[in-house]
Amino acid sequence: ENKLYEIIIVNDGSSDGSQRVTKELCDKDDSVKGIELRKNFGQTAALGAGIEIAKGKIIVTMDADLQNDPEDIPRMIAKLEEGYDVISGWRKSRKDKMITRRIPSIIANYIVAKITKVKLHDYGCALKVYRRSVLDGMKLYGDMHRFLPIYVSINGARIGELEVNHRPRIFGSSKYGLSRILKVVLDLASMYFFLNFMTKPMRMFGTIGIMFSVLGGAILSYLTVLKFVFGESIGSRPLLLVSVLFIIMGIQFAGFGLLAELLSRIYHESSDKSRSYAVRTTLNLENKS
């Protein structure tokens, strides 16, 4: 019998017996596949390893801490078939600690939604369903797993959300806490750049450079008027140094913009990123030569 699914278990350097259990499952069922990483590389790397060997047209990701409910998967796939490319789980009734987990998560989700314009209630839910086509060619690194739906939205992926069950944690302890807030803020800064200026970095750096230069020029003009119209001494005024500093910063930001523009073009032309668009589907092109 041909099975329509596969289960890929990624052991991210765990030493709690996970690899033994994975081997037992693989021996019993050839639909189960296992990957053991040499050490703990992080959730993003583990997801990337699983996605890389997955063969299906639909990929479901979930944690192994038993808080996600596999029974939600059929409903999420059905939702995906309504025309979406990604369905993200929403732990509306979340069974986690209020102070250290839920409140920081609520704040982070609100900020992420405002900045990225991708409206999800729960970016941190590991239970997600993707069409394979939106993940092909994507290299996962850093902590991209938190914002993977946002990264695929850059190429126009349609993203939906569905309420899912969430169970209390029974085994182990979470590695996330209040300390992740700073990481999220830094990741958001990077993501804002990628979403808005990945192919046109000069617009960001150039705009900042012009703002500093105009401000420095305005201050310098004010000091010039004081010097030559009113005859006041400006050599000891802090504003003179501030204006020169602003003008230099403006020139530097413009230089950064030129370098970033050059690197962006090298990146897109040397990799398979030369197109600035992504095709969802084609009609009546099969016989075109």
Protein backbone atom coordinates (compact mmCIF):
# COMPACT_ATOMS: atom_id res chain seq x y z
CA GLU A 1 0.00 0.00 0.00
CA ASN A 2 1.34 3.42 -0.98
CA LYS A 3 1.21 5.76 1.97
CA LEU A 4 0.30 9.37 1.37
CA TYR A 5 2.35 10.76 4.23
CA GLU A 6 5.71 10.64 5.91
CA ILE A 7 6.73 11.57 9.44
CA ILE A 8 10.14 13.18 9.88
CA ILE A 9 11.52 13.38 13.40
CA VAL A 10 14.47 15.72 13.92
CA ASN A 11 16.51 15.16 17.07
CA ASP A 12 18.27 18.48 17.65
CA GLY A 13 21.15 17.11 19.72
CA SER A 14 18.89 15.83 22.50
CA SER A 15 20.38 13.40 25.01
CA ASP A 16 17.14 12.38 26.75
CA GLY A 17 16.57 9.15 24.82
CA SER A 18 14.79 10.75 21.87
CA GLN A 19 17.08 9.07 19.36
CA ARG A 20 16.34 5.62 20.79
CA VAL A 21 12.59 6.22 20.55
CA THR A 22 12.99 7.57 17.01
CA LYS A 23 14.90 4.45 15.95
CA GLU A 24 12.20 2.20 17.41
CA LEU A 25 9.52 4.07 15.48
CA CYS A 26 11.54 3.93 12.25
CA ASP A 27 11.98 0.17 12.65
CA LYS A 28 8.22 -0.33 13.07
CA ASP A 29 7.06 1.98 10.27
CA ASP A 30 8.98 2.88 7.12
CA SER A 31 6.91 6.06 6.82
CA VAL A 32 8.81 7.42 9.81
CA LYS A 33 12.20 8.96 9.09
CA GLY A 34 14.72 10.24 11.61
CA ILE A 35 17.46 12.88 11.57
CA GLU A 36 19.90 13.26 14.46
CA LEU A 37 21.91 16.48 14.49
CA ARG A 38 25.40 16.42 15.98
CA LYS A 39 24.53 19.05 18.56
CA ASN A 40 21.80 21.52 19.45
CA PHE A 41 21.74 23.87 16.47
CA GLY A 42 18.40 25.47 17.34
CA GLN A 43 14.81 25.19 16.17
CA THR A 44 15.36 26.94 12.85
CA ALA A 45 18.16 24.56 11.84
CA ALA A 46 16.08 21.55 12.91
CA LEU A 47 13.13 22.71 10.83
CA GLY A 48 15.42 23.33 7.88
CA ALA A 49 16.85 19.81 8.13
CA GLY A 50 13.38 18.28 8.11
CA ILE A 51 12.05 20.45 5.30
CA GLU A 52 15.10 19.68 3.17
CA ILE A 53 14.41 15.93 3.03
CA ALA A 54 10.61 16.16 2.99
CA LYS A 55 9.06 14.90 -0.25
CA GLY A 56 5.44 15.89 0.14
CA LYS A 57 3.61 18.76 -1.53
CA ILE A 58 2.27 19.79 1.88
CA ILE A 59 4.58 20.18 4.89
CA VAL A 60 3.36 20.27 8.48
CA THR A 61 5.67 21.50 11.23
CA MET A 62 5.14 20.98 14.94
CA ASP A 63 7.08 20.71 18.20
CA ALA A 64 7.62 17.39 19.96
CA ASP A 65 6.76 18.69 23.45
CA LEU A 66 3.20 17.26 23.15
CA GLN A 67 1.57 20.67 23.56
CA ASN A 68 0.39 20.71 19.94
CA ASP A 69 -2.47 18.39 18.99
CA PRO A 70 -1.97 16.26 15.82
CA GLU A 71 -5.76 16.01 15.50
CA ASP A 72 -5.73 19.64 14.30
CA ILE A 73 -3.71 18.73 11.20
CA PRO A 74 -6.63 17.54 8.99
CA ARG A 75 -8.58 20.74 9.74
CA MET A 76 -5.54 22.86 8.87
CA ILE A 77 -4.97 21.01 5.59
CA ALA A 78 -8.65 21.49 4.73
CA LYS A 79 -8.24 25.20 5.42
CA LEU A 80 -5.14 25.26 3.22
CA GLU A 81 -7.17 23.86 0.33
CA GLU A 82 -9.40 26.94 0.45
CA GLY A 83 -6.70 28.76 -1.49
CA TYR A 84 -4.00 29.49 1.08
CA ASP A 85 -0.28 28.77 0.90
CA VAL A 86 0.31 28.76 4.66
CA ILE A 87 -1.99 28.03 7.60
CA SER A 88 -0.67 29.08 10.98
CA GLY A 89 -1.96 27.68 14.26
CA TRP A 90 -3.46 30.03 16.83
CA ARG A 91 -3.19 28.87 20.44
CA LYS A 92 -6.17 30.93 21.57
CA SER A 93 -6.50 29.02 24.85
CA ARG A 94 -2.82 28.78 25.57
CA LYS A 95 -1.72 26.60 28.49
CA ASP A 96 1.47 28.43 29.50
CA LYS A 97 2.60 30.67 32.34
CA MET A 98 1.01 34.10 32.15
CA ILE A 99 3.93 36.33 33.18
CA THR A 100 6.89 34.69 31.50
CA ARG A 101 5.22 33.28 28.37
CA ARG A 102 1.78 34.58 27.50
CA ILE A 103 2.10 38.32 28.21
CA PRO A 104 5.46 38.70 26.35
CA SER A 105 3.98 36.67 23.50
CA ILE A 106 0.89 38.89 23.25
CA ILE A 107 3.04 42.03 23.16
CA ALA A 108 5.45 40.55 20.61
CA ASN A 109 2.62 39.33 18.37
CA TYR A 110 1.03 42.78 18.38
CA ILE A 111 4.29 44.52 17.49
CA VAL A 112 5.14 42.01 14.75
CA ALA A 113 1.69 42.37 13.18
CA LYS A 114 1.97 46.17 13.16
CA ILE A 115 5.44 46.22 11.63
CA THR A 116 5.12 43.44 9.07
CA LYS A 117 1.43 43.94 8.12
CA VAL A 118 1.01 40.14 8.24
CA LYS A 119 -1.99 39.71 10.50
CA LEU A 120 -1.55 36.69 12.77
CA HIS A 121 -2.50 36.29 16.40
CA ASP A 122 0.20 33.74 17.21
CA TYR A 123 3.50 33.82 15.32
CA GLY A 124 5.15 31.52 17.86
CA CYS A 125 2.90 28.50 17.34
CA ALA A 126 5.05 25.73 15.87
CA LEU A 127 2.04 23.97 14.32
CA LYS A 128 1.89 25.30 10.78
CA VAL A 129 0.99 23.90 7.36
CA TYR A 130 2.86 24.99 4.22
CA ARG A 131 2.62 24.27 0.55
CA ARG A 132 6.00 22.92 -0.45
CA SER A 133 6.21 25.41 -3.33
CA VAL A 134 6.53 28.43 -0.99
CA LEU A 135 9.46 26.84 0.88
CA ASP A 136 11.46 25.63 -2.12
CA GLY A 137 14.82 27.33 -2.35
CA MET A 138 14.48 29.07 1.02
CA LYS A 139 17.55 28.86 3.24
CA LEU A 140 16.72 28.80 6.95
CA TYR A 141 19.17 30.30 9.41
CA GLY A 142 19.28 32.32 12.61
CA ASP A 143 15.85 32.37 14.27
CA MET A 144 13.79 32.51 11.08
CA HIS A 145 11.38 29.85 12.36
CA ARG A 146 9.45 32.47 14.35
CA PHE A 147 8.69 34.54 11.28
CA LEU A 148 8.72 31.99 8.49
CA PRO A 149 5.18 32.92 7.32
CA ILE A 150 6.35 36.52 7.01
CA TYR A 151 9.40 35.58 4.96
CA VAL A 152 7.29 33.55 2.52
CA SER A 153 4.82 36.45 2.32
CA ILE A 154 7.59 38.47 0.63
CA ASN A 155 6.88 36.45 -2.52
CA GLY A 156 3.13 36.79 -2.17
CA ALA A 157 2.20 33.67 -0.20
CA ARG A 158 -1.40 33.68 1.01
CA ILE A 159 -1.47 33.17 4.76
CA GLY A 160 -4.38 32.02 6.89
CA GLU A 161 -4.88 31.20 10.53
CA LEU A 162 -6.85 28.57 12.43
CA GLU A 163 -7.52 28.07 16.12
CA VAL A 164 -5.79 24.95 17.42
CA ASN A 165 -5.72 23.03 20.68
CA HIS A 166 -2.91 23.61 23.16
CA ARG A 167 -2.04 21.17 25.91
CA PRO A 168 -0.30 21.87 29.22
CA ARG A 169 3.39 20.99 29.17
CA ILE A 170 4.00 17.67 30.92
CA PHE A 171 7.63 16.86 30.17
CA GLY A 172 10.72 19.04 30.17
CA SER A 173 10.84 22.82 30.40
CA SER A 174 10.60 25.61 27.86
CA LYS A 175 13.81 27.26 26.67
CA TYR A 176 11.98 30.54 26.05
CA GLY A 177 11.29 33.29 28.56
CA LEU A 178 11.48 37.03 29.05
CA SER A 179 15.01 37.07 27.61
CA ARG A 180 13.65 36.40 24.12
CA ILE A 181 12.07 39.88 23.93
CA LEU A 182 15.40 41.49 22.97
CA LYS A 183 15.97 38.81 20.33
CA VAL A 184 12.53 39.44 18.87
CA VAL A 185 13.20 43.19 18.68
CA LEU A 186 16.49 42.62 16.85
CA ASP A 187 14.87 40.08 14.52
CA LEU A 188 12.10 42.57 13.77
CA ALA A 189 14.64 45.20 12.73
CA SER A 190 16.20 42.73 10.31
CA MET A 191 12.82 41.62 9.03
CA TYR A 192 11.64 45.19 8.45
CA PHE A 193 14.67 45.73 6.25
CA PHE A 194 14.13 42.50 4.31
CA LEU A 195 10.43 43.19 3.79
CA ASN A 196 10.83 46.75 2.59
CA PHE A 197 14.36 47.29 1.32
CA MET A 198 15.87 43.93 0.34
CA THR A 199 15.95 44.85 -3.36
CA LYS A 200 16.32 48.61 -2.88
CA PRO A 201 18.54 49.30 0.17
CA MET A 202 19.63 52.68 -1.20
CA ARG A 203 16.13 54.00 -0.50
CA MET A 204 16.51 53.37 3.22
CA PHE A 205 20.13 54.41 3.68
CA GLY A 206 19.81 57.25 1.19
CA THR A 207 16.72 58.64 2.92
CA ILE A 208 18.45 58.59 6.30
CA GLY A 209 21.55 60.17 4.73
CA ILE A 210 19.51 62.97 3.15
CA MET A 211 17.74 63.66 6.46
CA PHE A 212 21.04 64.00 8.31
CA SER A 213 22.57 66.12 5.54
CA VAL A 214 19.57 68.45 5.34
CA LEU A 215 19.50 68.85 9.12
CA GLY A 216 23.25 69.53 9.21
CA GLY A 217 22.96 71.95 6.30
CA ALA A 218 20.10 73.81 7.99
CA ILE A 219 22.10 74.22 11.20
CA LEU A 220 25.15 75.33 9.23
CA SER A 221 23.05 77.89 7.32
CA TYR A 222 21.72 79.23 10.62
CA LEU A 223 25.27 79.61 11.94
CA THR A 224 26.36 81.30 8.70
CA VAL A 225 23.63 83.88 9.10
CA LEU A 226 24.72 84.51 12.70
CA LYS A 227 28.32 84.93 11.58
CA PHE A 228 27.98 87.19 8.55
CA VAL A 229 24.72 89.04 9.26
CA PHE A 230 24.85 89.53 13.01
CA GLY A 231 28.62 89.29 13.43
CA GLU A 232 28.47 86.70 16.19
CA SER A 233 31.29 84.27 16.88
CA ILE A 234 30.38 80.66 16.05
CA GLY A 235 33.76 78.95 16.54
CA SER A 236 32.97 77.87 20.09
CA ARG A 237 29.36 76.91 19.50
CA PRO A 238 28.54 73.20 19.90
CA LEU A 239 26.08 73.55 17.02
CA LEU A 240 28.99 73.97 14.61
CA LEU A 241 30.35 70.54 15.50
CA VAL A 242 26.85 69.06 15.46
CA SER A 243 26.15 70.39 11.95
CA VAL A 244 29.44 69.05 10.60
CA LEU A 245 28.78 65.70 12.28
CA PHE A 246 25.31 65.47 10.72
CA ILE A 247 26.66 66.24 7.25
CA ILE A 248 29.40 63.60 7.62
CA MET A 249 26.84 61.07 8.86
CA GLY A 250 24.65 61.86 5.85
CA ILE A 251 27.53 61.19 3.48
CA GLN A 252 28.35 57.96 5.30
CA PHE A 253 24.76 56.68 5.12
CA ALA A 254 24.68 57.46 1.41
CA GLY A 255 27.92 55.48 1.06
CA PHE A 256 26.39 52.58 3.01
CA GLY A 257 23.41 52.71 0.67
CA LEU A 258 25.62 52.44 -2.41
CA LEU A 259 27.50 49.49 -0.92
CA ALA A 260 24.26 47.77 0.11
CA GLU A 261 22.83 48.34 -3.38
CA LEU A 262 25.93 46.79 -4.92
CA LEU A 263 25.79 43.78 -2.57
CA SER A 264 22.07 43.35 -3.24
CA ARG A 265 22.63 43.21 -7.00
CA ILE A 266 25.54 40.81 -6.62
CA TYR A 267 23.39 38.58 -4.40
CA HIS A 268 20.43 38.49 -6.77
CA GLU A 269 22.49 38.05 -9.92
CA SER A 270 24.86 35.40 -8.54
CA SER A 271 22.08 33.30 -7.01
CA ASP A 272 18.75 32.19 -8.36
CA LYS A 273 17.25 35.49 -7.30
CA SER A 274 17.52 37.43 -10.53
CA ARG A 275 13.74 37.73 -10.82
CA SER A 276 11.97 40.35 -8.73
CA TYR A 277 8.69 38.46 -8.91
CA ALA A 278 7.26 35.01 -8.12
CA VAL A 279 4.77 33.13 -10.31
CA ARG A 280 1.82 31.46 -8.58
CA THR A 281 0.45 29.59 -11.62
CA THR A 282 0.32 29.76 -15.41
CA LEU A 283 -2.46 29.18 -17.89
CA ASN A 284 -2.20 27.64 -21.35
CA LEU A 285 1.60 27.80 -21.47
CA GLU A 286 2.33 24.07 -21.53
CA ASN A 287 2.84 23.89 -25.28
CA LYS A 288 4.82 27.09 -25.67
CA SER A 289 8.35 26.65 -27.05
